[in-house]
Amino acid sequence: MPNIKNFRAFLMKQQKDEPTFSLSGIEEKLELPSLLLQHFLKGRKDLGPHTEKVIEFFSSIGYDDNTPY
């Protein structure tokens, strides 16, 4: 089970550290509902059935569930 709070912190850090980091581009690539990641960051929605796919994608680009962000 992924650490969702840690993952949310990772996404916020990515957005802050990398101005070209595009959540909408990732949503499109992973075929996620529009604005899902933005709502997730703001705590309005969870990732629901997309959790595994999203965590797997971000793990492939450097997210580590065991590293605090």
PDB file of N, CA and C in Angstrom:
ATOM      1  N   MET A   1       0.851  -1.186   0.000  1.00  0.00           N
ATOM      2  CA  MET A   1       0.000   0.000   0.000  1.00  0.00           C
ATOM      3  C   MET A   1       0.893   1.244   0.000  1.00  0.00           C
ATOM      4  N   PRO A   2       0.756   2.103  -0.992  1.00  0.00           N
ATOM      5  CA  PRO A   2       1.595   3.299  -1.061  1.00  0.00           C
ATOM      6  C   PRO A   2       1.244   4.305   0.034  1.00  0.00           C
ATOM      7  N   ASN A   3       2.228   5.085   0.412  1.00  0.00           N
ATOM      8  CA  ASN A   3       2.056   6.153   1.380  1.00  0.00           C
ATOM      9  C   ASN A   3       1.530   7.377   0.621  1.00  0.00           C
ATOM     10  N   ILE A   4       0.235   7.587   0.659  1.00  0.00           N
ATOM     11  CA  ILE A   4      -0.410   8.628  -0.147  1.00  0.00           C
ATOM     12  C   ILE A   4       0.027  10.030   0.286  1.00  0.00           C
ATOM     13  N   LYS A   5       0.182  10.274   1.581  1.00  0.00           N
ATOM     14  CA  LYS A   5       0.629  11.602   2.034  1.00  0.00           C
ATOM     15  C   LYS A   5       2.028  11.898   1.509  1.00  0.00           C
ATOM     16  N   ASN A   6       2.896  10.900   1.531  1.00  0.00           N
ATOM     17  CA  ASN A   6       4.256  11.067   1.025  1.00  0.00           C
ATOM     18  C   ASN A   6       4.229  11.317  -0.483  1.00  0.00           C
ATOM     19  N   PHE A   7       3.365  10.608  -1.193  1.00  0.00           N
ATOM     20  CA  PHE A   7       3.252  10.787  -2.635  1.00  0.00           C
ATOM     21  C   PHE A   7       2.751  12.193  -2.961  1.00  0.00           C
ATOM     22  N   ARG A   8       1.774  12.682  -2.207  1.00  0.00           N
ATOM     23  CA  ARG A   8       1.258  14.045  -2.412  1.00  0.00           C
ATOM     24  C   ARG A   8       2.386  15.056  -2.191  1.00  0.00           C
ATOM     25  N   ALA A   9       3.189  14.852  -1.141  1.00  0.00           N
ATOM     26  CA  ALA A   9       4.329  15.746  -0.871  1.00  0.00           C
ATOM     27  C   ALA A   9       5.331  15.705  -2.026  1.00  0.00           C
ATOM     28  N   PHE A  10       5.560  14.515  -2.588  1.00  0.00           N
ATOM     29  CA  PHE A  10       6.460  14.370  -3.734  1.00  0.00           C
ATOM     30  C   PHE A  10       5.959  15.193  -4.923  1.00  0.00           C
ATOM     31  N   LEU A  11       4.672  15.086  -5.222  1.00  0.00           N
ATOM     32  CA  LEU A  11       4.111  15.842  -6.350  1.00  0.00           C
ATOM     33  C   LEU A  11       4.228  17.347  -6.125  1.00  0.00           C
ATOM     34  N   MET A  12       3.961  17.790  -4.911  1.00  0.00           N
ATOM     35  CA  MET A  12       4.069  19.222  -4.618  1.00  0.00           C
ATOM     36  C   MET A  12       5.510  19.697  -4.781  1.00  0.00           C
ATOM     37  N   LYS A  13       6.457  18.886  -4.317  1.00  0.00           N
ATOM     38  CA  LYS A  13       7.875  19.231  -4.451  1.00  0.00           C
ATOM     39  C   LYS A  13       8.273  19.283  -5.925  1.00  0.00           C
ATOM     40  N   GLN A  14       7.817  18.332  -6.719  1.00  0.00           N
ATOM     41  CA  GLN A  14       8.128  18.317  -8.146  1.00  0.00           C
ATOM     42  C   GLN A  14       7.621  19.584  -8.819  1.00  0.00           C
ATOM     43  N   GLN A  15       6.411  19.971  -8.508  1.00  0.00           N
ATOM     44  CA  GLN A  15       5.837  21.177  -9.115  1.00  0.00           C
ATOM     45  C   GLN A  15       6.630  22.422  -8.718  1.00  0.00           C
ATOM     46  N   LYS A  16       7.061  22.479  -7.475  1.00  0.00           N
ATOM     47  CA  LYS A  16       7.812  23.639  -6.990  1.00  0.00           C
ATOM     48  C   LYS A  16       9.216  23.682  -7.603  1.00  0.00           C
ATOM     49  N   ASP A  17       9.880  22.527  -7.656  1.00  0.00           N
ATOM     50  CA  ASP A  17      11.276  22.461  -8.106  1.00  0.00           C
ATOM     51  C   ASP A  17      11.449  22.504  -9.620  1.00  0.00           C
ATOM     52  N   GLU A  18      10.439  22.064 -10.354  1.00  0.00           N
ATOM     53  CA  GLU A  18      10.556  21.982 -11.810  1.00  0.00           C
ATOM     54  C   GLU A  18       9.403  22.736 -12.470  1.00  0.00           C
ATOM     55  N   PRO A  19       9.671  23.943 -12.934  1.00  0.00           N
ATOM     56  CA  PRO A  19       8.601  24.758 -13.526  1.00  0.00           C
ATOM     57  C   PRO A  19       7.941  24.118 -14.756  1.00  0.00           C
ATOM     58  N   THR A  20       8.624  23.214 -15.417  1.00  0.00           N
ATOM     59  CA  THR A  20       8.048  22.595 -16.615  1.00  0.00           C
ATOM     60  C   THR A  20       7.277  21.310 -16.289  1.00  0.00           C
ATOM     61  N   PHE A  21       7.197  20.958 -15.016  1.00  0.00           N
ATOM     62  CA  PHE A  21       6.486  19.753 -14.587  1.00  0.00           C
ATOM     63  C   PHE A  21       4.997  19.943 -14.848  1.00  0.00           C
ATOM     64  N   SER A  22       4.434  19.133 -15.719  1.00  0.00           N
ATOM     65  CA  SER A  22       3.048  19.315 -16.147  1.00  0.00           C
ATOM     66  C   SER A  22       2.165  18.154 -15.701  1.00  0.00           C
ATOM     67  N   LEU A  23       1.288  18.429 -14.760  1.00  0.00           N
ATOM     68  CA  LEU A  23       0.359  17.400 -14.310  1.00  0.00           C
ATOM     69  C   LEU A  23      -0.638  17.052 -15.401  1.00  0.00           C
ATOM     70  N   SER A  24      -1.073  18.039 -16.161  1.00  0.00           N
ATOM     71  CA  SER A  24      -2.053  17.759 -17.214  1.00  0.00           C
ATOM     72  C   SER A  24      -1.435  16.877 -18.299  1.00  0.00           C
ATOM     73  N   GLY A  25      -0.155  17.065 -18.587  1.00  0.00           N
ATOM     74  CA  GLY A  25       0.526  16.205 -19.557  1.00  0.00           C
ATOM     75  C   GLY A  25       0.611  14.766 -19.072  1.00  0.00           C
ATOM     76  N   ILE A  26       0.830  14.599 -17.777  1.00  0.00           N
ATOM     77  CA  ILE A  26       0.891  13.251 -17.197  1.00  0.00           C
ATOM     78  C   ILE A  26      -0.493  12.623 -17.207  1.00  0.00           C
ATOM     79  N   GLU A  27      -1.510  13.417 -16.880  1.00  0.00           N
ATOM     80  CA  GLU A  27      -2.883  12.904 -16.932  1.00  0.00           C
ATOM     81  C   GLU A  27      -3.215  12.409 -18.333  1.00  0.00           C
ATOM     82  N   GLU A  28      -2.799  13.166 -19.322  1.00  0.00           N
ATOM     83  CA  GLU A  28      -3.071  12.775 -20.714  1.00  0.00           C
ATOM     84  C   GLU A  28      -2.323  11.483 -21.068  1.00  0.00           C
ATOM     85  N   LYS A  29      -1.056  11.431 -20.704  1.00  0.00           N
ATOM     86  CA  LYS A  29      -0.237  10.254 -21.020  1.00  0.00           C
ATOM     87  C   LYS A  29      -0.793   8.989 -20.364  1.00  0.00           C
ATOM     88  N   LEU A  30      -1.241   9.103 -19.120  1.00  0.00           N
ATOM     89  CA  LEU A  30      -1.762   7.946 -18.388  1.00  0.00           C
ATOM     90  C   LEU A  30      -3.258   7.730 -18.598  1.00  0.00           C
ATOM     91  N   GLU A  31      -3.870   8.591 -19.419  1.00  0.00           N
ATOM     92  CA  GLU A  31      -5.304   8.517 -19.708  1.00  0.00           C
ATOM     93  C   GLU A  31      -6.137   8.601 -18.424  1.00  0.00           C
ATOM     94  N   LEU A  32      -5.818   9.601 -17.620  1.00  0.00           N
ATOM     95  CA  LEU A  32      -6.542   9.852 -16.371  1.00  0.00           C
ATOM     96  C   LEU A  32      -7.613  10.910 -16.607  1.00  0.00           C
ATOM     97  N   PRO A  33      -8.615  10.947 -15.738  1.00  0.00           N
ATOM     98  CA  PRO A  33      -9.605  12.022 -15.854  1.00  0.00           C
ATOM     99  C   PRO A  33      -8.924  13.387 -15.728  1.00  0.00           C
ATOM    100  N   SER A  34      -9.411  14.335 -16.468  1.00  0.00           N
ATOM    101  CA  SER A  34      -8.869  15.697 -16.455  1.00  0.00           C
ATOM    102  C   SER A  34      -8.917  16.282 -15.039  1.00  0.00           C
ATOM    103  N   LEU A  35      -7.851  16.938 -14.648  1.00  0.00           N
ATOM    104  CA  LEU A  35      -7.705  17.616 -13.360  1.00  0.00           C
ATOM    105  C   LEU A  35      -7.613  16.686 -12.149  1.00  0.00           C
ATOM    106  N   LEU A  36      -7.542  15.375 -12.362  1.00  0.00           N
ATOM    107  CA  LEU A  36      -7.475  14.436 -11.236  1.00  0.00           C
ATOM    108  C   LEU A  36      -6.271  14.722 -10.342  1.00  0.00           C
ATOM    109  N   LEU A  37      -5.092  14.910 -10.938  1.00  0.00           N
ATOM    110  CA  LEU A  37      -3.891  15.131 -10.129  1.00  0.00           C
ATOM    111  C   LEU A  37      -3.934  16.485  -9.417  1.00  0.00           C
ATOM    112  N   GLN A  38      -4.486  17.504 -10.069  1.00  0.00           N
ATOM    113  CA  GLN A  38      -4.601  18.807  -9.414  1.00  0.00           C
ATOM    114  C   GLN A  38      -5.533  18.730  -8.203  1.00  0.00           C
ATOM    115  N   HIS A  39      -6.664  18.050  -8.363  1.00  0.00           N
ATOM    116  CA  HIS A  39      -7.605  17.883  -7.249  1.00  0.00           C
ATOM    117  C   HIS A  39      -6.984  17.022  -6.150  1.00  0.00           C
ATOM    118  N   PHE A  40      -6.208  16.024  -6.540  1.00  0.00           N
ATOM    119  CA  PHE A  40      -5.523  15.173  -5.573  1.00  0.00           C
ATOM    120  C   PHE A  40      -4.542  15.995  -4.735  1.00  0.00           C
ATOM    121  N   LEU A  41      -3.768  16.865  -5.388  1.00  0.00           N
ATOM    122  CA  LEU A  41      -2.805  17.699  -4.667  1.00  0.00           C
ATOM    123  C   LEU A  41      -3.478  18.623  -3.653  1.00  0.00           C
ATOM    124  N   LYS A  42      -4.648  19.102  -4.008  1.00  0.00           N
ATOM    125  CA  LYS A  42      -5.362  20.026  -3.123  1.00  0.00           C
ATOM    126  C   LYS A  42      -6.190  19.291  -2.074  1.00  0.00           C
ATOM    127  N   GLY A  43      -6.161  17.965  -2.090  1.00  0.00           N
ATOM    128  CA  GLY A  43      -6.875  17.177  -1.096  1.00  0.00           C
ATOM    129  C   GLY A  43      -8.357  17.038  -1.345  1.00  0.00           C
ATOM    130  N   ARG A  44      -8.800  17.384  -2.545  1.00  0.00           N
ATOM    131  CA  ARG A  44     -10.231  17.320  -2.867  1.00  0.00           C
ATOM    132  C   ARG A  44     -10.676  15.940  -3.334  1.00  0.00           C
ATOM    133  N   LYS A  45      -9.743  15.170  -3.895  1.00  0.00           N
ATOM    134  CA  LYS A  45     -10.069  13.841  -4.415  1.00  0.00           C
ATOM    135  C   LYS A  45      -8.923  12.895  -4.098  1.00  0.00           C
ATOM    136  N   ASP A  46      -9.246  11.599  -4.062  1.00  0.00           N
ATOM    137  CA  ASP A  46      -8.166  10.628  -4.013  1.00  0.00           C
ATOM    138  C   ASP A  46      -7.985  10.076  -5.425  1.00  0.00           C
ATOM    139  N   LEU A  47      -6.997   9.251  -5.609  1.00  0.00           N
ATOM    140  CA  LEU A  47      -6.716   8.724  -6.954  1.00  0.00           C
ATOM    141  C   LEU A  47      -7.605   7.543  -7.318  1.00  0.00           C
ATOM    142  N   GLY A  48      -8.291   7.002  -6.335  1.00  0.00           N
ATOM    143  CA  GLY A  48      -9.234   5.918  -6.579  1.00  0.00           C
ATOM    144  C   GLY A  48      -8.627   4.764  -7.348  1.00  0.00           C
ATOM    145  N   PRO A  49      -9.324   4.302  -8.385  1.00  0.00           N
ATOM    146  CA  PRO A  49      -8.849   3.141  -9.143  1.00  0.00           C
ATOM    147  C   PRO A  49      -7.577   3.410  -9.949  1.00  0.00           C
ATOM    148  N   HIS A  50      -7.151   4.659  -9.996  1.00  0.00           N
ATOM    149  CA  HIS A  50      -5.954   5.018 -10.771  1.00  0.00           C
ATOM    150  C   HIS A  50      -4.678   5.018  -9.926  1.00  0.00           C
ATOM    151  N   THR A  51      -4.818   4.774  -8.620  1.00  0.00           N
ATOM    152  CA  THR A  51      -3.680   4.867  -7.698  1.00  0.00           C
ATOM    153  C   THR A  51      -2.489   4.044  -8.154  1.00  0.00           C
ATOM    154  N   GLU A  52      -2.709   2.782  -8.435  1.00  0.00           N
ATOM    155  CA  GLU A  52      -1.591   1.898  -8.792  1.00  0.00           C
ATOM    156  C   GLU A  52      -0.870   2.377 -10.055  1.00  0.00           C
ATOM    157  N   LYS A  53      -1.634   2.745 -11.069  1.00  0.00           N
ATOM    158  CA  LYS A  53      -1.047   3.211 -12.331  1.00  0.00           C
ATOM    159  C   LYS A  53      -0.227   4.484 -12.127  1.00  0.00           C
ATOM    160  N   VAL A  54      -0.743   5.409 -11.327  1.00  0.00           N
ATOM    161  CA  VAL A  54      -0.065   6.680 -11.087  1.00  0.00           C
ATOM    162  C   VAL A  54       1.226   6.462 -10.288  1.00  0.00           C
ATOM    163  N   ILE A  55       1.149   5.683  -9.213  1.00  0.00           N
ATOM    164  CA  ILE A  55       2.331   5.415  -8.384  1.00  0.00           C
ATOM    165  C   ILE A  55       3.383   4.677  -9.212  1.00  0.00           C
ATOM    166  N   GLU A  56       2.966   3.727 -10.009  1.00  0.00           N
ATOM    167  CA  GLU A  56       3.901   2.970 -10.848  1.00  0.00           C
ATOM    168  C   GLU A  56       4.627   3.908 -11.829  1.00  0.00           C
ATOM    169  N   PHE A  57       3.898   4.815 -12.450  1.00  0.00           N
ATOM    170  CA  PHE A  57       4.506   5.762 -13.378  1.00  0.00           C
ATOM    171  C   PHE A  57       5.531   6.640 -12.666  1.00  0.00           C
ATOM    172  N   PHE A  58       5.143   7.231 -11.538  1.00  0.00           N
ATOM    173  CA  PHE A  58       6.061   8.120 -10.837  1.00  0.00           C
ATOM    174  C   PHE A  58       7.252   7.365 -10.251  1.00  0.00           C
ATOM    175  N   SER A  59       7.061   6.118  -9.885  1.00  0.00           N
ATOM    176  CA  SER A  59       8.187   5.297  -9.422  1.00  0.00           C
ATOM    177  C   SER A  59       9.208   5.123 -10.534  1.00  0.00           C
ATOM    178  N   SER A  60       8.737   5.050 -11.764  1.00  0.00           N
ATOM    179  CA  SER A  60       9.648   4.878 -12.898  1.00  0.00           C
ATOM    180  C   SER A  60      10.465   6.140 -13.179  1.00  0.00           C
ATOM    181  N   ILE A  61      10.030   7.277 -12.634  1.00  0.00           N
ATOM    182  CA  ILE A  61      10.785   8.520 -12.856  1.00  0.00           C
ATOM    183  C   ILE A  61      11.397   9.070 -11.566  1.00  0.00           C
ATOM    184  N   GLY A  62      11.494   8.231 -10.540  1.00  0.00           N
ATOM    185  CA  GLY A  62      12.241   8.643  -9.361  1.00  0.00           C
ATOM    186  C   GLY A  62      11.511   8.673  -8.035  1.00  0.00           C
ATOM    187  N   TYR A  63      10.205   8.469  -8.022  1.00  0.00           N
ATOM    188  CA  TYR A  63       9.496   8.467  -6.740  1.00  0.00           C
ATOM    189  C   TYR A  63       9.845   7.201  -5.972  1.00  0.00           C
ATOM    190  N   ASP A  64      10.163   7.360  -4.686  1.00  0.00           N
ATOM    191  CA  ASP A  64      10.436   6.228  -3.802  1.00  0.00           C
ATOM    192  C   ASP A  64       9.544   6.373  -2.584  1.00  0.00           C
ATOM    193  N   ASP A  65       8.667   5.414  -2.374  1.00  0.00           N
ATOM    194  CA  ASP A  65       7.706   5.458  -1.284  1.00  0.00           C
ATOM    195  C   ASP A  65       8.384   5.502   0.086  1.00  0.00           C
ATOM    196  N   ASN A  66       9.613   5.061   0.169  1.00  0.00           N
ATOM    197  CA  ASN A  66      10.322   5.009   1.454  1.00  0.00           C
ATOM    198  C   ASN A  66      11.134   6.274   1.748  1.00  0.00           C
ATOM    199  N   THR A  67      11.174   7.207   0.809  1.00  0.00           N
ATOM    200  CA  THR A  67      11.909   8.460   0.991  1.00  0.00           C
ATOM    201  C   THR A  67      10.933   9.566   1.365  1.00  0.00           C
ATOM    202  N   PRO A  68      11.151  10.206   2.519  1.00  0.00           N
ATOM    203  CA  PRO A  68      10.239  11.313   2.894  1.00  0.00           C
ATOM    204  C   PRO A  68      10.482  12.533   1.998  1.00  0.00           C
ATOM    205  N   TYR A  69       9.415  13.159   1.577  1.00  0.00           N
ATOM    206  CA  TYR A  69       9.511  14.362   0.739  1.00  0.00           C
ATOM    207  C   TYR A  69       8.960  15.498   1.499  1.00  0.00           C
TER     208      TYR A  69
END
